[in-house]
N, C-alpha and C. Protein backbone atom coordinates (compact mmCIF):
# COMPACT_ATOMS: atom_id res chain seq x y z
N MET A 1 -14.50 -7.04 6.55
CA MET A 1 -14.18 -5.65 6.30
C MET A 1 -15.39 -4.87 5.76
N ASN A 2 -16.20 -5.51 4.95
CA ASN A 2 -17.30 -4.80 4.31
C ASN A 2 -18.50 -4.57 5.21
N ASN A 3 -18.51 -5.13 6.40
CA ASN A 3 -19.64 -4.97 7.30
C ASN A 3 -19.52 -3.73 8.18
N LEU A 4 -18.65 -2.84 7.83
CA LEU A 4 -18.42 -1.64 8.64
C LEU A 4 -19.46 -0.57 8.32
N SER A 5 -19.74 0.23 9.31
CA SER A 5 -20.67 1.34 9.13
C SER A 5 -20.00 2.44 8.30
N LEU A 6 -20.81 3.35 7.81
CA LEU A 6 -20.30 4.50 7.06
C LEU A 6 -19.33 5.31 7.93
N ALA A 7 -19.68 5.47 9.20
CA ALA A 7 -18.81 6.23 10.11
C ALA A 7 -17.46 5.53 10.28
N GLN A 8 -17.46 4.19 10.39
CA GLN A 8 -16.21 3.45 10.55
C GLN A 8 -15.35 3.54 9.29
N LYS A 9 -15.97 3.41 8.13
CA LYS A 9 -15.23 3.53 6.86
C LYS A 9 -14.63 4.93 6.73
N SER A 10 -15.41 5.93 7.07
CA SER A 10 -14.93 7.32 7.01
C SER A 10 -13.77 7.53 7.97
N TYR A 11 -13.89 6.96 9.17
CA TYR A 11 -12.82 7.09 10.16
C TYR A 11 -11.53 6.46 9.63
N LEU A 12 -11.63 5.25 9.07
CA LEU A 12 -10.45 4.58 8.54
C LEU A 12 -9.84 5.37 7.39
N ALA A 13 -10.68 5.97 6.55
CA ALA A 13 -10.17 6.80 5.45
C ALA A 13 -9.40 8.00 6.01
N GLY A 14 -9.95 8.63 7.04
CA GLY A 14 -9.26 9.76 7.67
C GLY A 14 -7.96 9.34 8.31
N PHE A 15 -7.97 8.16 8.93
CA PHE A 15 -6.75 7.65 9.55
C PHE A 15 -5.69 7.41 8.48
N LEU A 16 -6.09 6.82 7.36
CA LEU A 16 -5.16 6.60 6.25
C LEU A 16 -4.60 7.92 5.74
N ASP A 17 -5.48 8.91 5.55
CA ASP A 17 -5.02 10.22 5.09
C ASP A 17 -4.01 10.85 6.04
N ALA A 18 -4.26 10.73 7.33
CA ALA A 18 -3.42 11.42 8.32
C ALA A 18 -2.21 10.62 8.76
N ASP A 19 -2.41 9.37 9.09
CA ASP A 19 -1.35 8.53 9.67
C ASP A 19 -1.15 7.25 8.89
N GLY A 20 -1.22 7.35 7.58
CA GLY A 20 -1.06 6.17 6.75
C GLY A 20 -0.14 6.42 5.58
N SER A 21 0.23 5.34 4.93
CA SER A 21 1.10 5.42 3.77
C SER A 21 0.67 4.35 2.76
N ILE A 22 0.72 4.72 1.51
CA ILE A 22 0.44 3.80 0.41
C ILE A 22 1.68 3.83 -0.47
N TYR A 23 2.28 2.67 -0.67
CA TYR A 23 3.48 2.65 -1.51
C TYR A 23 3.70 1.27 -2.10
N VAL A 24 4.58 1.21 -3.06
CA VAL A 24 4.94 -0.05 -3.70
C VAL A 24 6.45 -0.07 -3.85
N GLN A 25 7.02 -1.24 -3.64
CA GLN A 25 8.47 -1.40 -3.80
C GLN A 25 8.74 -2.40 -4.91
N ALA A 26 9.75 -2.11 -5.69
CA ALA A 26 10.29 -3.08 -6.64
C ALA A 26 11.59 -3.57 -6.03
N LYS A 27 11.51 -4.69 -5.34
CA LYS A 27 12.67 -5.23 -4.61
C LYS A 27 13.45 -6.18 -5.52
N ILE A 28 14.75 -6.00 -5.56
CA ILE A 28 15.57 -6.94 -6.31
C ILE A 28 15.43 -8.32 -5.67
N ASN A 29 15.06 -9.28 -6.49
CA ASN A 29 14.90 -10.65 -6.01
C ASN A 29 15.12 -11.58 -7.20
N LYS A 30 16.28 -12.19 -7.22
CA LYS A 30 16.68 -13.03 -8.36
C LYS A 30 15.83 -14.28 -8.52
N THR A 31 15.05 -14.64 -7.50
CA THR A 31 14.19 -15.82 -7.61
C THR A 31 12.91 -15.53 -8.41
N TYR A 32 12.65 -14.26 -8.68
CA TYR A 32 11.48 -13.88 -9.47
C TYR A 32 11.85 -13.85 -10.95
N LYS A 33 10.89 -14.10 -11.80
CA LYS A 33 11.11 -14.24 -13.24
C LYS A 33 11.89 -13.09 -13.86
N TYR A 34 11.56 -11.86 -13.50
CA TYR A 34 12.22 -10.69 -14.10
C TYR A 34 13.21 -10.02 -13.15
N GLY A 35 13.55 -10.71 -12.06
CA GLY A 35 14.58 -10.22 -11.16
C GLY A 35 14.12 -9.25 -10.09
N TYR A 36 12.82 -8.93 -10.09
CA TYR A 36 12.25 -8.01 -9.10
C TYR A 36 10.95 -8.58 -8.54
N GLN A 37 10.73 -8.28 -7.28
CA GLN A 37 9.45 -8.58 -6.63
C GLN A 37 8.72 -7.25 -6.48
N ILE A 38 7.51 -7.17 -7.00
CA ILE A 38 6.69 -5.97 -6.86
C ILE A 38 5.83 -6.16 -5.62
N ALA A 39 6.06 -5.31 -4.61
CA ALA A 39 5.43 -5.48 -3.30
C ALA A 39 4.65 -4.22 -2.91
N PRO A 40 3.31 -4.27 -3.06
CA PRO A 40 2.49 -3.11 -2.65
C PRO A 40 2.16 -3.18 -1.16
N TYR A 41 2.00 -1.99 -0.55
CA TYR A 41 1.69 -1.93 0.88
C TYR A 41 0.76 -0.77 1.19
N VAL A 42 -0.07 -0.99 2.19
CA VAL A 42 -0.79 0.07 2.87
C VAL A 42 -0.39 -0.06 4.33
N VAL A 43 0.07 1.03 4.93
CA VAL A 43 0.55 0.98 6.32
C VAL A 43 -0.10 2.11 7.10
N LEU A 44 -0.61 1.77 8.28
CA LEU A 44 -1.11 2.76 9.23
C LEU A 44 -0.12 2.83 10.38
N PHE A 45 0.13 4.03 10.88
CA PHE A 45 1.13 4.25 11.92
C PHE A 45 0.48 4.83 13.17
N GLN A 46 1.02 4.44 14.33
CA GLN A 46 0.53 5.01 15.59
C GLN A 46 1.60 4.83 16.65
N SER A 47 1.63 5.74 17.59
CA SER A 47 2.54 5.62 18.72
C SER A 47 2.17 4.41 19.56
N LYS A 48 3.18 3.74 20.09
CA LYS A 48 2.96 2.58 20.95
C LYS A 48 2.14 2.96 22.18
N LYS A 49 2.19 4.23 22.55
CA LYS A 49 1.47 4.71 23.73
C LYS A 49 -0.04 4.71 23.53
N GLU A 50 -0.49 4.71 22.29
CA GLU A 50 -1.93 4.75 22.00
C GLU A 50 -2.52 3.34 22.16
N ASN A 51 -3.41 3.17 23.12
CA ASN A 51 -3.96 1.86 23.42
C ASN A 51 -5.06 1.41 22.47
N ASN A 52 -5.68 2.33 21.77
CA ASN A 52 -6.83 1.98 20.94
C ASN A 52 -6.46 1.58 19.52
N PHE A 53 -5.19 1.60 19.17
CA PHE A 53 -4.78 1.32 17.80
C PHE A 53 -5.18 -0.09 17.37
N LYS A 54 -5.05 -1.05 18.25
CA LYS A 54 -5.40 -2.43 17.88
C LYS A 54 -6.89 -2.58 17.60
N GLN A 55 -7.72 -1.73 18.21
CA GLN A 55 -9.15 -1.75 17.89
C GLN A 55 -9.37 -1.30 16.45
N ILE A 56 -8.60 -0.33 16.02
CA ILE A 56 -8.68 0.14 14.64
C ILE A 56 -8.25 -0.97 13.68
N CYS A 57 -7.19 -1.67 14.03
CA CYS A 57 -6.70 -2.77 13.20
C CYS A 57 -7.74 -3.88 13.09
N LYS A 58 -8.43 -4.14 14.18
CA LYS A 58 -9.47 -5.18 14.16
C LYS A 58 -10.62 -4.83 13.22
N LEU A 59 -10.91 -3.54 13.07
CA LEU A 59 -11.94 -3.13 12.12
C LEU A 59 -11.59 -3.58 10.71
N ILE A 60 -10.32 -3.48 10.36
CA ILE A 60 -9.87 -3.84 9.01
C ILE A 60 -9.82 -5.36 8.86
N GLY A 61 -9.19 -6.04 9.81
CA GLY A 61 -9.19 -7.50 9.81
C GLY A 61 -8.26 -8.15 8.81
N ALA A 62 -7.41 -7.41 8.19
CA ALA A 62 -6.42 -7.97 7.26
C ALA A 62 -5.08 -7.35 7.62
N GLY A 63 -4.00 -8.02 7.30
CA GLY A 63 -2.70 -7.45 7.61
C GLY A 63 -2.16 -7.91 8.94
N TYR A 64 -1.12 -7.25 9.38
CA TYR A 64 -0.47 -7.63 10.64
C TYR A 64 0.15 -6.41 11.30
N VAL A 65 0.40 -6.53 12.59
CA VAL A 65 0.97 -5.45 13.38
C VAL A 65 2.45 -5.70 13.57
N ARG A 66 3.24 -4.62 13.44
CA ARG A 66 4.69 -4.70 13.67
C ARG A 66 5.07 -3.54 14.58
N GLN A 67 5.83 -3.85 15.60
CA GLN A 67 6.29 -2.80 16.52
C GLN A 67 7.73 -2.43 16.17
N ARG A 68 7.94 -1.14 15.89
CA ARG A 68 9.27 -0.66 15.56
C ARG A 68 10.04 -0.30 16.83
N LYS A 69 11.35 -0.20 16.71
CA LYS A 69 12.21 0.13 17.85
C LYS A 69 12.04 1.57 18.31
N ASP A 70 11.48 2.43 17.45
CA ASP A 70 11.34 3.84 17.81
C ASP A 70 10.01 4.16 18.50
N GLY A 71 9.27 3.12 18.91
CA GLY A 71 8.03 3.35 19.65
C GLY A 71 6.81 3.52 18.77
N ILE A 72 6.94 3.23 17.49
CA ILE A 72 5.82 3.33 16.55
C ILE A 72 5.32 1.92 16.25
N ILE A 73 4.00 1.79 16.19
CA ILE A 73 3.38 0.53 15.77
C ILE A 73 2.90 0.73 14.34
N GLU A 74 3.17 -0.26 13.50
CA GLU A 74 2.70 -0.24 12.12
C GLU A 74 1.68 -1.34 11.92
N TYR A 75 0.62 -1.02 11.23
CA TYR A 75 -0.35 -2.03 10.78
C TYR A 75 -0.17 -2.13 9.28
N ILE A 76 0.30 -3.28 8.81
CA ILE A 76 0.72 -3.45 7.43
C ILE A 76 -0.24 -4.36 6.68
N ILE A 77 -0.77 -3.85 5.58
CA ILE A 77 -1.58 -4.66 4.68
C ILE A 77 -0.75 -4.85 3.42
N GLY A 78 -0.38 -6.09 3.11
CA GLY A 78 0.50 -6.36 2.00
C GLY A 78 -0.03 -7.33 0.96
N LYS A 79 -1.15 -7.95 1.22
CA LYS A 79 -1.73 -8.87 0.24
C LYS A 79 -2.61 -8.07 -0.72
N ILE A 80 -2.44 -8.34 -2.00
CA ILE A 80 -3.14 -7.58 -3.03
C ILE A 80 -4.65 -7.59 -2.84
N ASP A 81 -5.23 -8.74 -2.57
CA ASP A 81 -6.68 -8.81 -2.40
C ASP A 81 -7.14 -8.00 -1.20
N ASP A 82 -6.36 -8.03 -0.12
CA ASP A 82 -6.71 -7.25 1.07
C ASP A 82 -6.59 -5.75 0.80
N ILE A 83 -5.56 -5.36 0.07
CA ILE A 83 -5.39 -3.94 -0.29
C ILE A 83 -6.58 -3.49 -1.14
N SER A 84 -6.94 -4.29 -2.13
CA SER A 84 -8.06 -3.95 -3.01
C SER A 84 -9.35 -3.80 -2.22
N GLU A 85 -9.60 -4.71 -1.31
CA GLU A 85 -10.81 -4.65 -0.49
C GLU A 85 -10.80 -3.42 0.42
N PHE A 86 -9.64 -3.12 1.00
CA PHE A 86 -9.52 -1.93 1.85
C PHE A 86 -9.80 -0.67 1.05
N PHE A 87 -9.24 -0.58 -0.16
CA PHE A 87 -9.46 0.59 -1.01
C PHE A 87 -10.93 0.74 -1.37
N GLU A 88 -11.57 -0.38 -1.70
CA GLU A 88 -12.99 -0.34 -2.05
C GLU A 88 -13.81 0.26 -0.90
N MET A 89 -13.40 -0.06 0.30
CA MET A 89 -14.12 0.39 1.49
C MET A 89 -13.87 1.87 1.78
N VAL A 90 -12.63 2.34 1.66
CA VAL A 90 -12.30 3.70 2.12
C VAL A 90 -12.19 4.75 1.00
N GLU A 91 -12.00 4.33 -0.22
CA GLU A 91 -11.73 5.29 -1.30
C GLU A 91 -12.76 6.42 -1.40
N PRO A 92 -14.05 6.15 -1.25
CA PRO A 92 -15.01 7.26 -1.38
C PRO A 92 -14.82 8.36 -0.33
N TYR A 93 -14.14 8.06 0.76
CA TYR A 93 -14.02 8.99 1.88
C TYR A 93 -12.62 9.57 2.04
N VAL A 94 -11.66 9.08 1.29
CA VAL A 94 -10.28 9.58 1.36
C VAL A 94 -10.22 10.94 0.68
N LEU A 95 -9.51 11.86 1.30
CA LEU A 95 -9.35 13.20 0.73
C LEU A 95 -7.95 13.45 0.19
N LEU A 96 -6.92 13.06 0.93
CA LEU A 96 -5.54 13.42 0.59
C LEU A 96 -4.80 12.37 -0.24
N LYS A 97 -5.19 11.12 -0.15
CA LYS A 97 -4.42 10.06 -0.81
C LYS A 97 -5.18 9.41 -1.97
N LYS A 98 -6.07 10.17 -2.58
CA LYS A 98 -6.83 9.63 -3.72
C LYS A 98 -5.92 9.25 -4.89
N LYS A 99 -4.92 10.10 -5.19
CA LYS A 99 -4.01 9.80 -6.31
C LYS A 99 -3.21 8.54 -6.04
N GLN A 100 -2.76 8.34 -4.79
CA GLN A 100 -2.02 7.13 -4.45
C GLN A 100 -2.90 5.89 -4.61
N ILE A 101 -4.15 5.99 -4.17
CA ILE A 101 -5.07 4.85 -4.32
C ILE A 101 -5.30 4.55 -5.79
N GLN A 102 -5.55 5.56 -6.59
CA GLN A 102 -5.80 5.34 -8.01
C GLN A 102 -4.60 4.71 -8.70
N LEU A 103 -3.40 5.19 -8.37
CA LEU A 103 -2.19 4.62 -8.96
C LEU A 103 -1.97 3.19 -8.48
N MET A 104 -2.18 2.94 -7.20
CA MET A 104 -1.99 1.58 -6.69
C MET A 104 -2.98 0.62 -7.34
N LYS A 105 -4.20 1.05 -7.58
CA LYS A 105 -5.17 0.19 -8.25
C LYS A 105 -4.69 -0.17 -9.66
N LYS A 106 -4.10 0.79 -10.36
CA LYS A 106 -3.53 0.53 -11.69
C LYS A 106 -2.37 -0.47 -11.60
N ILE A 107 -1.54 -0.29 -10.58
CA ILE A 107 -0.40 -1.19 -10.39
C ILE A 107 -0.87 -2.61 -10.10
N ILE A 108 -1.86 -2.75 -9.25
CA ILE A 108 -2.39 -4.08 -8.92
C ILE A 108 -2.97 -4.73 -10.17
N GLU A 109 -3.71 -3.97 -10.95
CA GLU A 109 -4.28 -4.50 -12.19
C GLU A 109 -3.17 -4.92 -13.16
N ALA A 110 -2.16 -4.07 -13.31
CA ALA A 110 -1.04 -4.39 -14.21
C ALA A 110 -0.27 -5.60 -13.72
N LYS A 111 -0.09 -5.71 -12.42
CA LYS A 111 0.65 -6.85 -11.85
C LYS A 111 -0.07 -8.17 -12.15
N ARG A 112 -1.38 -8.14 -12.07
CA ARG A 112 -2.17 -9.35 -12.35
C ARG A 112 -2.11 -9.75 -13.82
N LYS A 113 -1.79 -8.80 -14.71
CA LYS A 113 -1.82 -9.06 -16.16
C LYS A 113 -0.44 -9.29 -16.78
N VAL A 114 0.62 -9.31 -15.97
CA VAL A 114 1.96 -9.48 -16.54
C VAL A 114 2.08 -10.86 -17.19
N LYS A 115 2.41 -10.83 -18.49
CA LYS A 115 2.59 -12.09 -19.23
C LYS A 115 3.97 -12.16 -19.89
N ASN A 116 4.64 -11.00 -19.99
CA ASN A 116 5.94 -10.99 -20.66
C ASN A 116 6.76 -9.82 -20.11
N LYS A 117 7.98 -9.70 -20.62
CA LYS A 117 8.89 -8.67 -20.11
C LYS A 117 8.38 -7.26 -20.43
N LYS A 118 7.72 -7.09 -21.55
CA LYS A 118 7.16 -5.78 -21.91
C LYS A 118 6.10 -5.37 -20.87
N ASP A 119 5.23 -6.31 -20.51
CA ASP A 119 4.22 -6.04 -19.48
C ASP A 119 4.88 -5.70 -18.15
N PHE A 120 5.95 -6.43 -17.84
CA PHE A 120 6.64 -6.20 -16.57
C PHE A 120 7.31 -4.83 -16.55
N LYS A 121 7.88 -4.44 -17.68
CA LYS A 121 8.52 -3.12 -17.76
C LYS A 121 7.48 -2.02 -17.57
N ALA A 122 6.30 -2.19 -18.12
CA ALA A 122 5.21 -1.22 -17.93
C ALA A 122 4.82 -1.16 -16.45
N LEU A 123 4.82 -2.30 -15.79
CA LEU A 123 4.52 -2.36 -14.36
C LEU A 123 5.58 -1.61 -13.55
N ILE A 124 6.84 -1.82 -13.88
CA ILE A 124 7.93 -1.11 -13.19
C ILE A 124 7.79 0.40 -13.39
N ASN A 125 7.44 0.81 -14.60
CA ASN A 125 7.26 2.24 -14.86
C ASN A 125 6.13 2.82 -14.01
N LEU A 126 5.06 2.05 -13.83
CA LEU A 126 3.97 2.50 -12.96
C LEU A 126 4.45 2.64 -11.52
N THR A 127 5.22 1.66 -11.03
CA THR A 127 5.70 1.72 -9.65
C THR A 127 6.58 2.94 -9.44
N ASP A 128 7.35 3.30 -10.45
CA ASP A 128 8.23 4.47 -10.33
C ASP A 128 7.45 5.78 -10.27
N LYS A 129 6.20 5.78 -10.70
CA LYS A 129 5.38 7.00 -10.64
C LYS A 129 5.06 7.39 -9.20
N PHE A 130 5.23 6.46 -8.26
CA PHE A 130 5.00 6.81 -6.86
C PHE A 130 5.99 7.86 -6.38
N ARG A 131 7.13 7.98 -7.04
CA ARG A 131 8.11 9.00 -6.62
C ARG A 131 7.54 10.40 -6.79
N GLU A 132 6.58 10.56 -7.67
CA GLU A 132 5.94 11.86 -7.86
C GLU A 132 4.91 12.15 -6.77
N LEU A 133 4.43 11.12 -6.12
CA LEU A 133 3.36 11.27 -5.12
C LEU A 133 3.85 11.14 -3.68
N ASN A 134 4.90 10.38 -3.47
CA ASN A 134 5.40 10.10 -2.12
C ASN A 134 6.84 10.56 -1.99
N TYR A 135 7.21 10.89 -0.77
CA TYR A 135 8.58 11.29 -0.46
C TYR A 135 9.35 10.08 0.04
N SER A 136 10.57 9.89 -0.45
CA SER A 136 11.41 8.80 0.02
C SER A 136 12.87 9.20 -0.08
N LYS A 137 13.60 9.05 1.02
CA LYS A 137 15.04 9.35 1.02
C LYS A 137 15.84 8.24 0.35
N LYS A 138 15.29 7.02 0.33
CA LYS A 138 16.05 5.87 -0.15
C LYS A 138 15.69 5.49 -1.59
N ARG A 139 14.97 6.34 -2.29
CA ARG A 139 14.49 6.01 -3.61
C ARG A 139 15.64 5.72 -4.57
N LYS A 140 15.49 4.65 -5.33
CA LYS A 140 16.46 4.31 -6.36
C LYS A 140 15.70 4.17 -7.67
N PHE A 141 16.31 4.61 -8.73
CA PHE A 141 15.68 4.51 -10.04
C PHE A 141 16.22 3.27 -10.74
N ARG A 142 15.33 2.58 -11.41
CA ARG A 142 15.68 1.35 -12.09
C ARG A 142 15.56 1.55 -13.60
N THR A 143 16.39 0.86 -14.31
CA THR A 143 16.27 0.82 -15.75
C THR A 143 16.25 -0.65 -16.16
N LEU A 144 15.18 -1.02 -16.81
CA LEU A 144 15.07 -2.39 -17.33
C LEU A 144 15.28 -2.35 -18.82
N THR A 145 16.09 -3.25 -19.31
CA THR A 145 16.28 -3.33 -20.75
C THR A 145 15.22 -4.27 -21.31
N PRO A 146 14.69 -3.95 -22.48
CA PRO A 146 13.63 -4.78 -23.06
C PRO A 146 14.07 -6.17 -23.39
């Protein structure tokens, strides 16, 4: 990922700004210590009709492609290290999603430092801040008791 030219990094940043999404989900999962799985994502979207999308995905080299039933292809980056590396590469060139990147970086850092329920509650509160930056019809608010 880091061997890309300035033009390629700028292009990917523009693609993220225009046809991308940065979000985190707190999924209920009883197998996790505090009952939730914190799942960060960076997703790029493109119509299935666009033949060059896979070339863009190859530039990044992390994540996977998923084809939706509505004719949209998603390129999903879900591993924390891959997300961090992608942000390092594109953040200087992103114009519209700087706040999302900054918040996601805080969430990733907080996720790595969770040692107790208080830390986890702080992490959940950070994930809920995405509601101020992103639009979601399915958003649910969580309350964790200490």
